């Protein structure tokens, strides 16, 4: 992941402007769709790392809190699916 002042490039070599990433992530978080956030490039299957998401959303406290809440909920649900009674 390479981050400059206005462009962000992922390991898949796709890059978009920082504002585009923020808008994309905002939409995913607002809709609680954080289980597997993919690169914005159509057809790309690269999954965004939590570290990347948090670095893009630095300074957006409310979005980060929502992301963390939904992400933790996803982890709990994944673990509960694996538990057999």
N, C-alpha and C. Protein backbone atom coordinates (compact mmCIF):
# COMPACT_ATOMS: atom_id res chain seq x y z
N UNK A 1 0.85 -1.17 0.00
CA UNK A 1 0.00 0.00 0.00
C UNK A 1 0.89 1.23 0.00
N UNK A 2 0.65 2.10 -0.94
CA UNK A 2 1.39 3.35 -1.02
C UNK A 2 0.39 4.49 -0.88
N UNK A 3 0.67 5.38 0.03
CA UNK A 3 -0.22 6.51 0.23
C UNK A 3 0.56 7.80 0.01
N UNK A 4 0.08 8.60 -0.91
CA UNK A 4 0.63 9.94 -1.10
C UNK A 4 -0.46 10.92 -0.67
N UNK A 5 -0.24 12.17 -0.91
CA UNK A 5 -1.20 13.17 -0.45
C UNK A 5 -2.57 13.01 -1.10
N UNK A 6 -2.62 12.52 -2.32
CA UNK A 6 -3.93 12.41 -2.98
C UNK A 6 -4.20 11.08 -3.66
N UNK A 7 -3.22 10.23 -3.81
CA UNK A 7 -3.42 8.93 -4.48
C UNK A 7 -3.03 7.80 -3.54
N UNK A 8 -3.78 6.71 -3.63
CA UNK A 8 -3.51 5.54 -2.80
C UNK A 8 -3.46 4.32 -3.71
N UNK A 9 -2.36 3.58 -3.61
CA UNK A 9 -2.16 2.40 -4.45
C UNK A 9 -2.10 1.16 -3.57
N UNK A 10 -2.85 0.14 -3.96
CA UNK A 10 -2.88 -1.12 -3.22
C UNK A 10 -1.86 -2.10 -3.78
N UNK A 11 -1.70 -3.24 -3.08
CA UNK A 11 -0.76 -4.27 -3.55
C UNK A 11 -1.19 -4.87 -4.88
N UNK A 12 -2.46 -4.70 -5.25
CA UNK A 12 -2.96 -5.19 -6.54
C UNK A 12 -2.61 -4.22 -7.67
N UNK A 13 -1.97 -3.12 -7.32
CA UNK A 13 -1.53 -2.06 -8.24
C UNK A 13 -2.65 -1.18 -8.77
N UNK A 14 -3.82 -1.25 -8.17
CA UNK A 14 -4.90 -0.31 -8.51
C UNK A 14 -4.78 0.88 -7.57
N UNK A 15 -5.01 2.06 -8.11
CA UNK A 15 -4.94 3.24 -7.26
C UNK A 15 -6.08 4.19 -7.55
N UNK A 16 -6.48 4.86 -6.50
CA UNK A 16 -7.58 5.83 -6.56
C UNK A 16 -7.23 6.99 -5.65
N UNK A 17 -7.91 8.10 -5.84
CA UNK A 17 -7.65 9.26 -4.99
C UNK A 17 -8.16 9.00 -3.57
N UNK A 18 -7.55 9.67 -2.62
CA UNK A 18 -7.90 9.51 -1.21
C UNK A 18 -9.38 9.79 -0.97
N UNK A 19 -9.92 10.85 -1.57
CA UNK A 19 -11.34 11.20 -1.38
C UNK A 19 -12.26 10.09 -1.91
N UNK A 20 -11.87 9.45 -2.99
CA UNK A 20 -12.66 8.33 -3.53
C UNK A 20 -12.67 7.17 -2.54
N UNK A 21 -11.51 6.88 -1.94
CA UNK A 21 -11.46 5.81 -0.94
C UNK A 21 -12.33 6.15 0.25
N UNK A 22 -12.27 7.38 0.71
CA UNK A 22 -13.08 7.80 1.86
C UNK A 22 -14.56 7.62 1.56
N UNK A 23 -14.99 8.08 0.39
CA UNK A 23 -16.41 7.94 0.01
C UNK A 23 -16.81 6.47 -0.08
N UNK A 24 -15.95 5.66 -0.68
CA UNK A 24 -16.21 4.22 -0.83
C UNK A 24 -16.33 3.54 0.53
N UNK A 25 -15.38 3.81 1.41
CA UNK A 25 -15.40 3.21 2.74
C UNK A 25 -16.58 3.71 3.57
N UNK A 26 -16.89 4.98 3.42
CA UNK A 26 -18.03 5.55 4.14
C UNK A 26 -19.31 4.79 3.76
N UNK A 27 -19.51 4.56 2.48
CA UNK A 27 -20.70 3.84 2.01
C UNK A 27 -20.74 2.42 2.58
N UNK A 28 -19.60 1.74 2.58
CA UNK A 28 -19.53 0.37 3.10
C UNK A 28 -19.85 0.35 4.59
N UNK A 29 -19.29 1.29 5.34
CA UNK A 29 -19.48 1.32 6.79
C UNK A 29 -20.91 1.69 7.14
N UNK A 30 -21.45 2.69 6.51
CA UNK A 30 -22.82 3.12 6.79
C UNK A 30 -23.81 1.97 6.56
N UNK A 31 -23.53 1.14 5.56
CA UNK A 31 -24.40 0.01 5.25
C UNK A 31 -23.98 -1.28 5.97
N UNK A 32 -23.07 -1.15 6.94
CA UNK A 32 -22.59 -2.28 7.75
C UNK A 32 -22.03 -3.41 6.89
N UNK A 33 -21.42 -3.05 5.77
CA UNK A 33 -20.87 -4.04 4.85
C UNK A 33 -19.34 -4.05 5.00
N UNK A 34 -18.88 -4.50 6.17
CA UNK A 34 -17.45 -4.45 6.45
C UNK A 34 -16.79 -5.83 6.52
N UNK A 35 -17.55 -6.88 6.27
CA UNK A 35 -17.00 -8.22 6.43
C UNK A 35 -15.88 -8.52 5.44
N UNK A 36 -15.99 -8.00 4.24
CA UNK A 36 -14.94 -8.24 3.22
C UNK A 36 -15.00 -7.07 2.24
N UNK A 37 -14.27 -6.03 2.54
CA UNK A 37 -14.26 -4.86 1.65
C UNK A 37 -13.17 -5.07 0.60
N UNK A 38 -13.60 -5.03 -0.64
CA UNK A 38 -12.68 -5.28 -1.76
C UNK A 38 -12.17 -3.98 -2.38
N UNK A 39 -11.10 -4.09 -3.13
CA UNK A 39 -10.59 -2.99 -3.94
C UNK A 39 -11.73 -2.45 -4.80
N UNK A 40 -11.69 -1.16 -5.06
CA UNK A 40 -12.76 -0.53 -5.86
C UNK A 40 -12.74 -0.91 -7.34
N UNK A 41 -11.60 -1.40 -7.83
CA UNK A 41 -11.49 -1.75 -9.25
C UNK A 41 -12.45 -2.89 -9.58
N UNK A 42 -13.29 -2.69 -10.55
CA UNK A 42 -14.27 -3.71 -10.96
C UNK A 42 -13.56 -5.02 -11.26
N UNK A 43 -14.01 -6.08 -10.62
CA UNK A 43 -13.46 -7.40 -10.85
C UNK A 43 -12.27 -7.77 -9.99
N UNK A 44 -11.71 -6.81 -9.27
CA UNK A 44 -10.54 -7.09 -8.42
C UNK A 44 -11.02 -7.74 -7.13
N UNK A 45 -10.35 -8.79 -6.72
CA UNK A 45 -10.73 -9.54 -5.52
C UNK A 45 -9.82 -9.24 -4.32
N UNK A 46 -8.99 -8.22 -4.43
CA UNK A 46 -8.10 -7.87 -3.32
C UNK A 46 -8.92 -7.35 -2.15
N UNK A 47 -8.74 -7.97 -0.99
CA UNK A 47 -9.46 -7.58 0.22
C UNK A 47 -8.64 -6.51 0.94
N UNK A 48 -9.31 -5.43 1.31
CA UNK A 48 -8.62 -4.36 2.03
C UNK A 48 -8.30 -4.79 3.45
N UNK A 49 -7.08 -4.50 3.88
CA UNK A 49 -6.66 -4.83 5.23
C UNK A 49 -7.19 -3.77 6.20
N UNK A 50 -7.44 -4.20 7.43
CA UNK A 50 -7.93 -3.28 8.46
C UNK A 50 -6.96 -2.11 8.63
N UNK A 51 -5.67 -2.39 8.59
CA UNK A 51 -4.65 -1.34 8.73
C UNK A 51 -4.83 -0.27 7.65
N UNK A 52 -5.08 -0.70 6.43
CA UNK A 52 -5.29 0.23 5.32
C UNK A 52 -6.54 1.08 5.56
N UNK A 53 -7.64 0.42 5.93
CA UNK A 53 -8.91 1.12 6.16
C UNK A 53 -8.75 2.17 7.23
N UNK A 54 -8.09 1.80 8.33
CA UNK A 54 -7.90 2.75 9.42
C UNK A 54 -6.99 3.91 9.04
N UNK A 55 -6.00 3.65 8.19
CA UNK A 55 -5.11 4.73 7.77
C UNK A 55 -5.84 5.72 6.86
N UNK A 56 -6.73 5.22 6.01
CA UNK A 56 -7.50 6.09 5.13
C UNK A 56 -8.49 6.93 5.94
N UNK A 57 -9.09 6.32 6.95
CA UNK A 57 -10.12 6.99 7.73
C UNK A 57 -9.57 7.77 8.93
N UNK A 58 -8.25 7.89 9.01
CA UNK A 58 -7.65 8.66 10.09
C UNK A 58 -8.24 10.08 10.08
N UNK A 59 -8.72 10.50 11.23
CA UNK A 59 -9.35 11.82 11.32
C UNK A 59 -10.87 11.77 11.18
N UNK A 60 -11.40 10.61 10.87
CA UNK A 60 -12.85 10.42 10.76
C UNK A 60 -13.31 9.53 11.92
N UNK A 61 -13.30 10.10 13.12
CA UNK A 61 -13.53 9.35 14.35
C UNK A 61 -14.84 8.56 14.32
N UNK A 62 -15.92 9.19 13.91
CA UNK A 62 -17.22 8.53 13.91
C UNK A 62 -17.24 7.32 12.97
N UNK A 63 -16.67 7.48 11.78
CA UNK A 63 -16.61 6.35 10.84
C UNK A 63 -15.75 5.22 11.38
N UNK A 64 -14.61 5.58 11.99
CA UNK A 64 -13.73 4.56 12.57
C UNK A 64 -14.44 3.79 13.68
N UNK A 65 -15.19 4.50 14.51
CA UNK A 65 -15.92 3.84 15.59
C UNK A 65 -16.97 2.89 15.03
N UNK A 66 -17.69 3.32 14.01
CA UNK A 66 -18.69 2.44 13.38
C UNK A 66 -18.02 1.24 12.73
N UNK A 67 -16.92 1.49 12.05
CA UNK A 67 -16.18 0.38 11.42
C UNK A 67 -15.77 -0.64 12.48
N UNK A 68 -15.17 -0.17 13.57
CA UNK A 68 -14.73 -1.07 14.63
C UNK A 68 -15.90 -1.86 15.22
N UNK A 69 -17.02 -1.18 15.43
CA UNK A 69 -18.20 -1.84 16.00
C UNK A 69 -18.70 -2.95 15.07
N UNK A 70 -18.86 -2.64 13.79
CA UNK A 70 -19.34 -3.63 12.83
C UNK A 70 -18.33 -4.75 12.62
N UNK A 71 -17.04 -4.40 12.61
CA UNK A 71 -15.99 -5.39 12.40
C UNK A 71 -15.95 -6.37 13.58
N UNK A 72 -16.05 -5.86 14.81
CA UNK A 72 -16.05 -6.72 15.99
C UNK A 72 -17.29 -7.63 15.98
N UNK A 73 -18.42 -7.07 15.61
CA UNK A 73 -19.65 -7.86 15.52
C UNK A 73 -19.48 -8.99 14.51
N UNK A 74 -18.86 -8.70 13.39
CA UNK A 74 -18.60 -9.71 12.36
C UNK A 74 -17.73 -10.83 12.91
N UNK A 75 -16.70 -10.47 13.66
CA UNK A 75 -15.80 -11.48 14.24
C UNK A 75 -16.55 -12.38 15.22
N UNK A 76 -17.41 -11.80 16.05
CA UNK A 76 -18.19 -12.59 17.00
C UNK A 76 -19.11 -13.55 16.26
N UNK A 77 -19.77 -13.06 15.21
CA UNK A 77 -20.67 -13.91 14.43
C UNK A 77 -19.92 -15.05 13.75
N UNK A 78 -18.72 -14.75 13.25
CA UNK A 78 -17.92 -15.80 12.62
C UNK A 78 -17.55 -16.89 13.62
N UNK A 79 -17.18 -16.47 14.83
CA UNK A 79 -16.82 -17.45 15.86
C UNK A 79 -18.03 -18.26 16.29
N UNK A 80 -19.18 -17.61 16.41
CA UNK A 80 -20.38 -18.34 16.84
C UNK A 80 -20.84 -19.33 15.79
N UNK A 81 -20.56 -19.07 14.52
CA UNK A 81 -20.91 -20.02 13.46
C UNK A 81 -20.08 -21.30 13.55
N UNK A 82 -18.88 -21.19 14.15
CA UNK A 82 -17.98 -22.34 14.25
C UNK A 82 -18.23 -23.17 15.49
N UNK A 83 -18.99 -22.63 16.44
CA UNK A 83 -19.27 -23.34 17.68
C UNK A 83 -20.41 -24.33 17.46
N UNK A 84 -20.17 -25.57 17.83
CA UNK A 84 -21.18 -26.62 17.68
C UNK A 84 -21.66 -27.02 19.07
N UNK A 85 -22.96 -27.14 19.22
CA UNK A 85 -23.54 -27.58 20.49
C UNK A 85 -24.01 -29.00 20.40
